[in-house]
Amino acid sequence: MSSKTVLLNDKMVLLVNQLTIPVFLDVANAIAGSGKTVTLFTGKVEESYAMPHNDIRIVHSKAYNRKSLVTRLLSWMIFSTHLFFYLLFKRGIAHILVVTNPPFAPIIVSWIARLRNISYSIVVYDLYPEALLQTGLSSEQNWVYKLWQKINPKVFNKARTVITLSESMKAALMPYLQKPDDVRIIYNWVETGYMKPLLKSENPFIQRHSLQDKITVMYSGNMGMTHDLESLIHAAELLKDQSNVQFILIGDGAKRLKLESMAGSLQLTNVLFLPYQSTADFPFAMAAADIGVVTLGRGGEGISVPSKTYINLAAGVCLLTISPTGSELNRLVEVFNCGFTCEPDNPQNIAKFITDVLTQPERLNQFKERSREASYNFGSTNANRYIEIVQ
């Protein structure tokens, strides 16, 4: 073993992610399990099927708060400031694996890493500043947008490795990269033993909400400003006379109050809002759906892949994607033939699809079976691919 290898093994691998979702915890555990010393710099570790490896040191910072635009920006700024000073003074870092959450984190890591001669890799979950266009927070003429675009090539090209989640996201990165072949695509995944289909008769969530004889259309996750959930509410309005169809929206976010107000003003009794479910209840809630909704706003087709996509696949539910043509979401549905794709702002198409599968239950069951089969293509062994990146 060379002295250089010994040095890297002795030093710490730092993982940076403001919100450690189960997928990223799998990455941390895989790296720690390979014998590396791992420190996780995070605002929150989501409770899930897995616990952090005993040898992982966790540095807690400001948690991500997506309740509103103000709370989101504030939590990003506090976390980023803490990260800046931590990187400036912390000794013994061999490599940094940083996620684009918060979006300033890769820039800060790049600055300090070059100053201190530390290698780093970037995991692109969302591409900035392009994501700002999608949310309506910026225009291409905005000086912040233009400056960010000038900074990105330096940040990405100085990285040892750039990892992203799909071919479409890789294509979106191309304008910033000198060596496109250095980009690695590692699809996200879900633990198929934790998230799996359940018979309705064995699902306590179904019993609790009296869903035994209903087709359940479910959205679970952040109700953000870019998510076209209004179409879901309008589809519920079109189907309000269908007593065997129930819409359930689980989660929170900047748009939740607006959606609740819409459903209330339309007097929709077929729409139910619920809070985020506990770790114990979450698998039951997802498996209660017949149709699982995943949304992506216009302009987001090449810059984001919602992780809830893989959760819905593993739960064995028919996918209903509300997303623009050309998105990874639509590609997955088409490749695996596991649901229906719909452009944003088309509630009539959503309602028609639901009406169609009501009269063709065998077709709905085929979509559900194919979703579960598709989930095996996105297994948690993908986490091991990150080990070689931090070697």
Protein backbone atom coordinates (compact mmCIF):
# COMPACT_ATOMS: atom_id res chain seq x y z
CA MET A 1 0.00 0.00 0.00
CA SER A 2 1.43 3.37 -0.96
CA SER A 3 1.99 6.18 1.53
CA LYS A 4 -0.56 8.28 -0.37
CA THR A 5 -3.24 5.59 0.09
CA VAL A 6 -2.48 5.38 3.79
CA LEU A 7 -2.78 9.15 4.08
CA LEU A 8 -6.22 9.18 2.40
CA ASN A 9 -7.43 6.34 4.58
CA ASP A 10 -6.27 8.11 7.72
CA LYS A 11 -7.94 11.39 6.84
CA MET A 12 -11.61 12.21 6.85
CA VAL A 13 -14.15 12.16 4.02
CA LEU A 14 -16.59 15.03 4.57
CA LEU A 15 -20.14 14.69 3.24
CA VAL A 16 -22.18 17.90 2.93
CA ASN A 17 -25.96 17.89 2.53
CA GLN A 18 -28.40 20.16 4.36
CA LEU A 19 -31.13 17.51 4.29
CA THR A 20 -29.87 13.93 4.54
CA ILE A 21 -32.59 11.86 2.93
CA PRO A 22 -32.43 8.03 3.13
CA VAL A 23 -30.62 7.78 -0.22
CA PHE A 24 -27.77 10.00 0.97
CA LEU A 25 -27.61 8.20 4.32
CA ASP A 26 -27.08 4.99 2.33
CA VAL A 27 -24.14 6.73 0.65
CA ALA A 28 -22.67 7.80 4.00
CA ASN A 29 -23.07 4.31 5.44
CA ALA A 30 -21.53 2.68 2.37
CA ILE A 31 -18.45 4.91 2.55
CA ALA A 32 -18.08 4.40 6.30
CA GLY A 33 -18.53 0.66 5.84
CA SER A 34 -15.64 0.64 3.36
CA GLY A 35 -13.28 1.69 6.13
CA LYS A 36 -13.18 5.44 5.54
CA THR A 37 -13.46 7.97 8.35
CA VAL A 38 -16.67 9.87 7.59
CA THR A 39 -18.07 13.14 8.89
CA LEU A 40 -21.57 14.19 7.83
CA PHE A 41 -22.21 17.94 7.85
CA THR A 42 -26.00 18.28 7.75
CA GLY A 43 -29.01 20.19 9.00
CA LYS A 44 -31.13 17.09 9.52
CA VAL A 45 -30.99 13.34 9.06
CA GLU A 46 -34.43 12.13 8.05
CA GLU A 47 -35.70 9.16 10.02
CA SER A 48 -35.89 6.13 7.75
CA TYR A 49 -35.29 2.42 7.46
CA ALA A 50 -31.58 2.94 8.21
CA MET A 51 -29.55 4.43 11.03
CA PRO A 52 -26.22 6.23 10.59
CA HIS A 53 -23.21 3.93 10.80
CA ASN A 54 -21.76 3.96 14.33
CA ASP A 55 -18.45 5.41 13.10
CA ILE A 56 -20.00 8.40 11.30
CA ARG A 57 -19.49 11.71 13.07
CA ILE A 58 -22.41 14.10 12.50
CA VAL A 59 -21.94 17.86 12.59
CA HIS A 60 -25.36 19.46 13.00
CA SER A 61 -26.11 22.77 11.32
CA LYS A 62 -29.23 24.75 10.37
CA ALA A 63 -32.01 22.50 9.10
CA TYR A 64 -33.58 23.13 5.71
CA ASN A 65 -36.87 25.01 6.17
CA ARG A 66 -39.04 25.01 3.02
CA LYS A 67 -42.15 26.45 4.64
CA SER A 68 -41.80 29.64 2.61
CA LEU A 69 -39.33 31.42 0.35
CA VAL A 70 -38.05 33.55 3.25
CA THR A 71 -37.48 30.59 5.57
CA ARG A 72 -35.83 28.65 2.77
CA LEU A 73 -33.37 31.43 1.93
CA LEU A 74 -32.64 32.09 5.59
CA SER A 75 -31.90 28.43 6.32
CA TRP A 76 -29.68 28.26 3.22
CA MET A 77 -27.69 31.32 4.32
CA ILE A 78 -27.19 30.16 7.92
CA PHE A 79 -26.13 26.67 6.84
CA SER A 80 -23.76 28.04 4.18
CA THR A 81 -22.12 30.48 6.62
CA HIS A 82 -21.57 27.69 9.15
CA LEU A 83 -20.11 25.49 6.40
CA PHE A 84 -17.72 28.24 5.28
CA PHE A 85 -16.12 28.63 8.71
CA TYR A 86 -16.11 24.88 9.37
CA LEU A 87 -14.20 24.24 6.14
CA LEU A 88 -11.87 27.15 6.76
CA PHE A 89 -10.61 25.81 10.10
CA LYS A 90 -11.27 22.05 10.16
CA ARG A 91 -8.15 19.95 9.76
CA GLY A 92 -7.72 16.44 8.42
CA ILE A 93 -10.13 16.55 5.46
CA ALA A 94 -9.03 14.32 2.55
CA HIS A 95 -12.03 14.69 0.27
CA ILE A 96 -15.39 16.50 0.26
CA LEU A 97 -18.56 15.10 -1.32
CA VAL A 98 -21.02 17.99 -1.54
CA VAL A 99 -24.65 18.00 -2.67
CA THR A 100 -26.36 20.98 -4.32
CA ASN A 101 -28.46 21.50 -1.19
CA PRO A 102 -28.15 24.30 -0.31
CA PRO A 103 -27.25 25.61 -3.78
CA PHE A 104 -24.42 27.78 -2.39
CA ALA A 105 -22.64 24.78 -0.84
CA PRO A 106 -20.69 23.64 -3.94
CA ILE A 107 -19.43 27.19 -4.49
CA ILE A 108 -18.22 27.48 -0.90
CA VAL A 109 -16.62 24.03 -1.03
CA SER A 110 -14.86 24.92 -4.28
CA TRP A 111 -13.41 28.14 -2.87
CA ILE A 112 -12.11 26.62 0.38
CA ALA A 113 -11.00 23.35 -1.24
CA ARG A 114 -8.78 25.22 -3.70
CA LEU A 115 -7.47 27.46 -0.94
CA ARG A 116 -6.54 24.46 1.21
CA ASN A 117 -5.67 22.00 -1.58
CA ILE A 118 -8.47 19.55 -0.79
CA SER A 119 -10.15 17.46 -3.50
CA TYR A 120 -13.91 17.50 -3.83
CA SER A 121 -16.79 15.97 -5.80
CA ILE A 122 -20.25 17.38 -6.48
CA VAL A 123 -23.58 15.55 -6.52
CA VAL A 124 -25.99 17.58 -8.66
CA TYR A 125 -29.51 16.96 -7.33
CA ASP A 126 -30.73 20.30 -8.75
CA LEU A 127 -28.92 22.54 -11.23
CA TYR A 128 -28.51 26.21 -10.29
CA PRO A 129 -29.01 28.93 -11.37
CA GLU A 130 -31.35 27.26 -13.88
CA ALA A 131 -33.63 26.13 -11.05
CA LEU A 132 -34.20 29.80 -10.21
CA LEU A 133 -35.79 30.31 -13.63
CA GLN A 134 -38.17 27.44 -13.02
CA THR A 135 -39.28 28.86 -9.68
CA GLY A 136 -39.70 32.35 -11.13
CA LEU A 137 -37.13 33.78 -8.71
CA SER A 138 -34.86 35.04 -11.46
CA SER A 139 -34.59 35.84 -15.15
CA GLU A 140 -31.73 35.20 -17.54
CA GLN A 141 -30.97 38.95 -17.47
CA ASN A 142 -30.61 39.09 -13.69
CA TRP A 143 -27.05 39.89 -12.58
CA VAL A 144 -27.07 37.12 -9.95
CA TYR A 145 -28.10 34.60 -12.61
CA LYS A 146 -25.33 35.75 -14.99
CA LEU A 147 -22.70 35.74 -12.24
CA TRP A 148 -23.71 32.25 -11.11
CA GLN A 149 -23.36 30.98 -14.67
CA LYS A 150 -19.83 32.41 -14.84
CA ILE A 151 -18.89 30.77 -11.53
CA ASN A 152 -20.25 27.31 -12.40
CA PRO A 153 -17.52 26.27 -14.88
CA LYS A 154 -14.84 26.93 -12.27
CA VAL A 155 -16.77 25.03 -9.60
CA PHE A 156 -17.57 21.99 -11.77
CA ASN A 157 -14.30 21.72 -13.67
CA LYS A 158 -12.15 21.90 -10.55
CA ALA A 159 -14.11 19.02 -9.02
CA ARG A 160 -12.57 15.56 -9.15
CA THR A 161 -15.94 14.09 -10.13
CA VAL A 162 -19.39 15.45 -10.96
CA ILE A 163 -22.29 13.06 -10.29
CA THR A 164 -25.81 13.59 -11.52
CA LEU A 165 -29.05 11.61 -11.59
CA SER A 166 -30.01 11.12 -15.24
CA GLU A 167 -29.03 11.57 -18.87
CA SER A 168 -31.21 14.67 -19.15
CA MET A 169 -29.48 16.28 -16.17
CA LYS A 170 -26.08 15.42 -17.65
CA ALA A 171 -27.12 17.16 -20.87
CA ALA A 172 -28.11 20.26 -18.90
CA LEU A 173 -24.63 20.34 -17.33
CA MET A 174 -22.79 20.23 -20.66
CA PRO A 175 -22.42 24.02 -21.17
CA TYR A 176 -20.37 24.20 -17.96
CA LEU A 177 -18.01 21.27 -18.51
CA GLN A 178 -14.65 20.99 -20.24
CA LYS A 179 -14.62 17.17 -19.92
CA PRO A 180 -18.19 15.86 -20.27
CA ASP A 181 -16.98 12.26 -20.08
CA ASP A 182 -15.96 12.85 -16.44
CA VAL A 183 -19.61 13.19 -15.41
CA ARG A 184 -21.01 10.07 -13.79
CA ILE A 185 -24.69 9.21 -13.78
CA ILE A 186 -25.80 7.41 -10.63
CA TYR A 187 -29.55 6.97 -10.45
CA ASN A 188 -31.26 7.43 -7.12
CA TRP A 189 -32.87 4.42 -5.52
CA VAL A 190 -35.13 3.14 -2.78
CA GLU A 191 -34.85 0.26 -0.34
CA THR A 192 -37.37 -2.21 -1.77
CA GLY A 193 -37.57 -4.13 1.48
CA TYR A 194 -38.74 -1.03 3.34
CA MET A 195 -41.05 0.35 0.62
CA LYS A 196 -43.23 -2.36 -0.92
CA PRO A 197 -46.79 -3.14 -2.00
CA LEU A 198 -49.33 -4.28 0.58
CA LEU A 199 -52.76 -5.84 0.28
CA LYS A 200 -55.50 -3.36 1.12
CA SER A 201 -56.86 -5.74 3.72
CA GLU A 202 -53.49 -5.70 5.52
CA ASN A 203 -52.82 -1.95 5.36
CA PRO A 204 -53.72 0.02 8.51
CA PHE A 205 -53.57 3.34 6.62
CA ILE A 206 -56.36 2.14 4.36
CA GLN A 207 -58.44 1.02 7.30
CA ARG A 208 -57.87 4.31 9.13
CA HIS A 209 -59.07 6.44 6.22
CA SER A 210 -61.77 4.09 4.89
CA LEU A 211 -60.12 3.56 1.51
CA GLN A 212 -60.99 -0.11 1.08
CA ASP A 213 -63.41 0.42 -1.82
CA LYS A 214 -61.78 3.47 -3.40
CA ILE A 215 -59.23 4.23 -6.08
CA THR A 216 -56.73 6.40 -4.22
CA VAL A 217 -54.79 9.11 -6.06
CA MET A 218 -51.94 10.27 -3.81
CA TYR A 219 -49.32 13.00 -3.80
CA SER A 220 -46.78 12.84 -0.97
CA GLY A 221 -43.99 15.37 -0.56
CA ASN A 222 -43.17 19.05 -0.69
CA MET A 223 -45.98 21.24 -2.03
CA GLY A 224 -43.60 23.75 -3.56
CA MET A 225 -44.29 26.70 -5.80
CA THR A 226 -43.09 24.90 -8.95
CA HIS A 227 -45.28 21.82 -8.42
CA ASP A 228 -48.42 21.81 -10.54
CA LEU A 229 -50.77 20.47 -7.89
CA GLU A 230 -53.54 22.86 -8.91
CA SER A 231 -54.24 20.51 -11.83
CA LEU A 232 -54.76 17.71 -9.32
CA ILE A 233 -57.33 19.77 -7.42
CA HIS A 234 -59.13 20.67 -10.65
CA ALA A 235 -59.10 17.01 -11.69
CA ALA A 236 -60.71 16.20 -8.33
CA GLU A 237 -63.37 18.80 -9.13
CA LEU A 238 -64.09 17.10 -12.46
CA LEU A 239 -64.43 13.75 -10.66
CA LYS A 240 -66.33 14.96 -7.59
CA ASP A 241 -69.34 12.81 -8.49
CA GLN A 242 -67.19 9.67 -8.58
CA SER A 243 -67.69 8.45 -5.02
CA ASN A 244 -65.09 5.70 -5.43
CA VAL A 245 -62.17 8.07 -6.15
CA GLN A 246 -60.24 9.68 -3.29
CA PHE A 247 -57.46 12.26 -3.69
CA ILE A 248 -54.93 12.48 -0.83
CA LEU A 249 -52.20 15.13 -0.55
CA ILE A 250 -49.59 14.44 2.11
CA GLY A 251 -46.93 16.93 3.17
CA ASP A 252 -46.40 20.65 3.49
CA GLY A 253 -44.82 23.56 1.68
CA ALA A 254 -45.35 27.05 0.33
CA LYS A 255 -48.37 26.03 -1.75
CA ARG A 256 -50.30 23.95 0.78
CA LEU A 257 -52.52 26.75 2.11
CA LYS A 258 -53.44 27.78 -1.43
CA LEU A 259 -54.37 24.21 -2.34
CA GLU A 260 -56.44 23.77 0.80
CA SER A 261 -58.21 27.03 0.04
CA MET A 262 -58.94 25.86 -3.52
CA ALA A 263 -60.39 22.56 -2.34
CA GLY A 264 -62.45 24.35 0.30
CA SER A 265 -63.89 26.95 -2.05
CA LEU A 266 -64.81 24.19 -4.52
CA GLN A 267 -66.38 22.20 -1.66
CA LEU A 268 -64.48 19.07 -2.62
CA THR A 269 -65.18 16.20 -0.26
CA ASN A 270 -62.97 13.87 -2.31
CA VAL A 271 -59.73 15.67 -1.37
CA LEU A 272 -57.96 14.92 1.91
CA PHE A 273 -54.90 16.81 3.21
CA LEU A 274 -52.60 15.07 5.68
CA PRO A 275 -49.28 16.02 7.33
CA TYR A 276 -46.02 14.26 6.61
CA GLN A 277 -46.26 10.70 7.87
CA SER A 278 -43.99 9.20 10.52
CA THR A 279 -41.23 6.79 9.56
CA ALA A 280 -43.38 3.90 10.76
CA ASP A 281 -46.51 5.03 8.88
CA PHE A 282 -44.88 6.24 5.67
CA PRO A 283 -44.60 2.83 3.92
CA PHE A 284 -48.26 2.09 4.68
CA ALA A 285 -49.34 5.49 3.34
CA MET A 286 -47.45 5.07 0.07
CA ALA A 287 -48.67 1.51 -0.42
CA ALA A 288 -52.26 2.73 0.08
CA ALA A 289 -52.15 4.59 -3.24
CA ASP A 290 -53.38 3.12 -6.48
CA ILE A 291 -52.07 6.09 -8.47
CA GLY A 292 -49.01 7.99 -7.24
CA VAL A 293 -48.47 11.55 -8.46
CA VAL A 294 -45.04 13.03 -9.20
CA THR A 295 -44.79 16.59 -10.49
CA LEU A 296 -42.13 18.67 -12.21
CA GLY A 297 -42.65 22.26 -13.29
CA ARG A 298 -41.96 23.61 -16.76
CA GLY A 299 -38.24 24.16 -17.21
CA GLY A 300 -37.39 21.49 -14.66
CA GLU A 301 -37.18 18.58 -17.09
CA GLY A 302 -33.38 18.68 -17.34
CA ILE A 303 -32.42 20.02 -13.93
CA SER A 304 -34.19 17.80 -11.39
CA VAL A 305 -35.41 14.24 -10.78
CA PRO A 306 -37.75 13.95 -7.76
CA SER A 307 -36.67 11.14 -5.43
CA LYS A 308 -40.33 10.35 -4.74
CA THR A 309 -40.40 8.78 -8.23
CA TYR A 310 -38.48 5.75 -6.99
CA ILE A 311 -40.52 5.56 -3.79
CA ASN A 312 -43.73 5.30 -5.81
CA LEU A 313 -42.19 2.63 -8.03
CA ALA A 314 -41.16 0.52 -5.03
CA ALA A 315 -44.60 0.89 -3.45
CA GLY A 316 -46.02 -0.67 -6.59
CA VAL A 317 -48.37 2.14 -7.56
CA CYS A 318 -49.30 3.37 -11.01
CA LEU A 319 -47.30 6.52 -11.78
CA LEU A 320 -49.06 9.71 -12.85
CA THR A 321 -46.38 12.23 -13.83
CA ILE A 322 -47.32 15.87 -14.33
CA SER A 323 -44.22 17.07 -16.13
CA PRO A 324 -43.01 18.58 -19.42
CA THR A 325 -42.12 16.51 -22.46
CA GLY A 326 -38.53 15.34 -22.36
CA SER A 327 -38.28 14.91 -18.60
CA GLU A 328 -36.68 11.90 -16.92
CA LEU A 329 -40.06 11.27 -15.26
CA ASN A 330 -41.77 10.80 -18.59
CA ARG A 331 -38.93 8.65 -19.89
CA LEU A 332 -39.24 6.28 -16.92
CA VAL A 333 -42.99 5.90 -17.40
CA GLU A 334 -42.55 5.24 -21.12
CA VAL A 335 -39.63 2.81 -20.74
CA PHE A 336 -41.33 0.71 -18.06
CA ASN A 337 -44.93 1.30 -19.22
CA CYS A 338 -45.99 1.87 -15.64
CA GLY A 339 -48.47 4.76 -15.83
CA PHE A 340 -49.50 7.95 -17.55
CA THR A 341 -47.65 11.16 -18.41
CA CYS A 342 -49.36 14.53 -18.58
CA GLU A 343 -48.17 18.02 -19.42
CA PRO A 344 -48.71 20.61 -16.64
CA ASP A 345 -52.00 22.54 -16.60
CA ASN A 346 -54.09 19.72 -18.08
CA PRO A 347 -56.55 18.57 -15.39
CA GLN A 348 -58.92 17.23 -18.06
CA ASN A 349 -56.27 14.71 -19.17
CA ILE A 350 -55.67 13.64 -15.57
CA ALA A 351 -59.38 13.14 -14.96
CA LYS A 352 -59.76 11.19 -18.21
CA PHE A 353 -56.91 8.84 -17.31
CA ILE A 354 -58.40 8.16 -13.88
CA THR A 355 -61.83 7.58 -15.43
CA ASP A 356 -60.30 5.17 -17.96
CA VAL A 357 -58.59 2.99 -15.34
CA LEU A 358 -61.77 2.96 -13.25
CA THR A 359 -63.41 1.04 -16.07
CA GLN A 360 -60.29 -1.04 -16.78
CA PRO A 361 -59.07 -2.33 -13.40
CA GLU A 362 -56.88 -4.96 -15.04
CA ARG A 363 -54.97 -2.16 -16.83
CA LEU A 364 -54.41 -0.36 -13.52
CA ASN A 365 -53.11 -3.57 -11.92
CA GLN A 366 -50.69 -4.07 -14.81
CA PHE A 367 -49.29 -0.57 -14.33
CA LYS A 368 -48.85 -1.26 -10.61
CA GLU A 369 -47.06 -4.56 -11.21
CA ARG A 370 -44.71 -2.95 -13.73
CA SER A 371 -43.87 -0.16 -11.27
CA ARG A 372 -42.73 -2.66 -8.68
CA GLU A 373 -40.71 -4.55 -11.27
CA ALA A 374 -39.10 -1.29 -12.42
CA SER A 375 -38.01 -0.45 -8.88
CA TYR A 376 -35.54 -3.36 -8.90
CA ASN A 377 -33.53 -1.45 -11.50
CA PHE A 378 -32.85 1.24 -8.90
CA GLY A 379 -31.50 -0.70 -5.93
CA SER A 380 -29.59 0.55 -2.91
CA THR A 381 -26.42 -1.11 -4.22
CA ASN A 382 -26.01 2.12 -6.22
CA ALA A 383 -24.72 3.64 -2.98
CA ASN A 384 -21.57 1.54 -3.33
CA ARG A 385 -20.67 3.39 -6.53
CA TYR A 386 -19.84 6.43 -4.39
CA ILE A 387 -17.07 4.55 -2.58
CA GLU A 388 -14.66 4.68 -5.53
CA ILE A 389 -15.41 8.38 -5.99
CA VAL A 390 -13.96 9.25 -2.57
CA GLN A 391 -10.96 6.90 -2.83
